[in-house]
Amino acid sequence: MSRITHALSRLFPAVTAPVSILPSEAEARALSALLVAQGRRAVFHRTPSGFAVEVLA
């Protein structure tokens, strides 16, 4: 990460809003791809109960 990118990420941290928790990674990937196709920035990650899908605000 460059110094400028690092500084900007400190000044403007990413805020996420939860969308859904899904049981499999394939479903989480599919929902993330759908959200990206709609123009949103989506992320997914593993949780104890499955995979959480979130959008960046």
C-alpha atoms as a PDB file:
ATOM      1  CA  MET A   1       0.000   0.000   0.000  1.00  0.00           C
ATOM      2  CA  SER A   2       1.443   3.356  -0.973  1.00  0.00           C
ATOM      3  CA  ARG A   3       1.816   6.115   1.576  1.00  0.00           C
ATOM      4  CA  ILE A   4      -0.970   8.175   0.011  1.00  0.00           C
ATOM      5  CA  THR A   5      -3.381   5.240  -0.074  1.00  0.00           C
ATOM      6  CA  HIS A   6      -2.519   4.404   3.527  1.00  0.00           C
ATOM      7  CA  ALA A   7      -3.069   8.012   4.620  1.00  0.00           C
ATOM      8  CA  LEU A   8      -6.414   8.221   2.806  1.00  0.00           C
ATOM      9  CA  SER A   9      -7.593   4.943   4.321  1.00  0.00           C
ATOM     10  CA  ARG A  10      -6.825   6.375   7.775  1.00  0.00           C
ATOM     11  CA  LEU A  11      -8.689   9.601   7.033  1.00  0.00           C
ATOM     12  CA  PHE A  12     -11.672   7.924   5.357  1.00  0.00           C
ATOM     13  CA  PRO A  13     -12.167   4.429   6.792  1.00  0.00           C
ATOM     14  CA  ALA A  14     -14.462   2.034   4.939  1.00  0.00           C
ATOM     15  CA  VAL A  15     -17.843   1.583   6.592  1.00  0.00           C
ATOM     16  CA  THR A  16     -19.850  -1.534   5.766  1.00  0.00           C
ATOM     17  CA  ALA A  17     -23.532  -2.341   6.074  1.00  0.00           C
ATOM     18  CA  PRO A  18     -24.518  -6.001   6.481  1.00  0.00           C
ATOM     19  CA  VAL A  19     -26.721  -7.473   3.754  1.00  0.00           C
ATOM     20  CA  SER A  20     -27.009 -11.173   4.549  1.00  0.00           C
ATOM     21  CA  ILE A  21     -25.408 -14.224   6.160  1.00  0.00           C
ATOM     22  CA  LEU A  22     -25.323 -17.255   3.878  1.00  0.00           C
ATOM     23  CA  PRO A  23     -24.357 -20.885   4.594  1.00  0.00           C
ATOM     24  CA  SER A  24     -21.899 -21.399   1.700  1.00  0.00           C
ATOM     25  CA  GLU A  25     -19.103 -19.458   0.058  1.00  0.00           C
ATOM     26  CA  ALA A  26     -20.609 -20.044  -3.397  1.00  0.00           C
ATOM     27  CA  GLU A  27     -23.846 -18.322  -2.380  1.00  0.00           C
ATOM     28  CA  ALA A  28     -21.906 -15.444  -0.815  1.00  0.00           C
ATOM     29  CA  ARG A  29     -19.880 -15.023  -4.021  1.00  0.00           C
ATOM     30  CA  ALA A  30     -23.041 -15.053  -6.132  1.00  0.00           C
ATOM     31  CA  LEU A  31     -24.753 -12.404  -3.984  1.00  0.00           C
ATOM     32  CA  SER A  32     -21.592 -10.273  -3.988  1.00  0.00           C
ATOM     33  CA  ALA A  33     -21.397 -10.520  -7.783  1.00  0.00           C
ATOM     34  CA  LEU A  34     -25.045  -9.494  -8.068  1.00  0.00           C
ATOM     35  CA  LEU A  35     -24.451  -6.458  -5.843  1.00  0.00           C
ATOM     36  CA  VAL A  36     -21.363  -5.473  -7.865  1.00  0.00           C
ATOM     37  CA  ALA A  37     -23.379  -5.794 -11.075  1.00  0.00           C
ATOM     38  CA  GLN A  38     -25.855  -3.317  -9.550  1.00  0.00           C
ATOM     39  CA  GLY A  39     -23.011  -0.828  -9.012  1.00  0.00           C
ATOM     40  CA  ARG A  40     -22.395  -1.414  -5.309  1.00  0.00           C
ATOM     41  CA  ARG A  41     -19.083  -2.306  -3.676  1.00  0.00           C
ATOM     42  CA  ALA A  42     -19.566  -5.632  -1.902  1.00  0.00           C
ATOM     43  CA  VAL A  43     -17.376  -7.798   0.322  1.00  0.00           C
ATOM     44  CA  PHE A  44     -17.899 -11.163   1.968  1.00  0.00           C
ATOM     45  CA  HIS A  45     -16.079 -12.918   4.788  1.00  0.00           C
ATOM     46  CA  ARG A  46     -16.318 -16.046   6.904  1.00  0.00           C
ATOM     47  CA  THR A  47     -18.221 -15.920  10.194  1.00  0.00           C
ATOM     48  CA  PRO A  48     -18.877 -18.666  12.758  1.00  0.00           C
ATOM     49  CA  SER A  49     -22.354 -19.174  11.296  1.00  0.00           C
ATOM     50  CA  GLY A  50     -21.485 -19.020   7.565  1.00  0.00           C
ATOM     51  CA  PHE A  51     -20.456 -16.182   5.251  1.00  0.00           C
ATOM     52  CA  ALA A  52     -21.468 -12.556   5.755  1.00  0.00           C
ATOM     53  CA  VAL A  53     -22.059 -10.317   2.741  1.00  0.00           C
ATOM     54  CA  GLU A  54     -21.691  -6.573   3.265  1.00  0.00           C
ATOM     55  CA  VAL A  55     -21.734  -3.467   1.102  1.00  0.00           C
ATOM     56  CA  LEU A  56     -19.319  -0.591   1.525  1.00  0.00           C
ATOM     57  CA  ALA A  57     -21.058   2.654   2.373  1.00  0.00           C
END
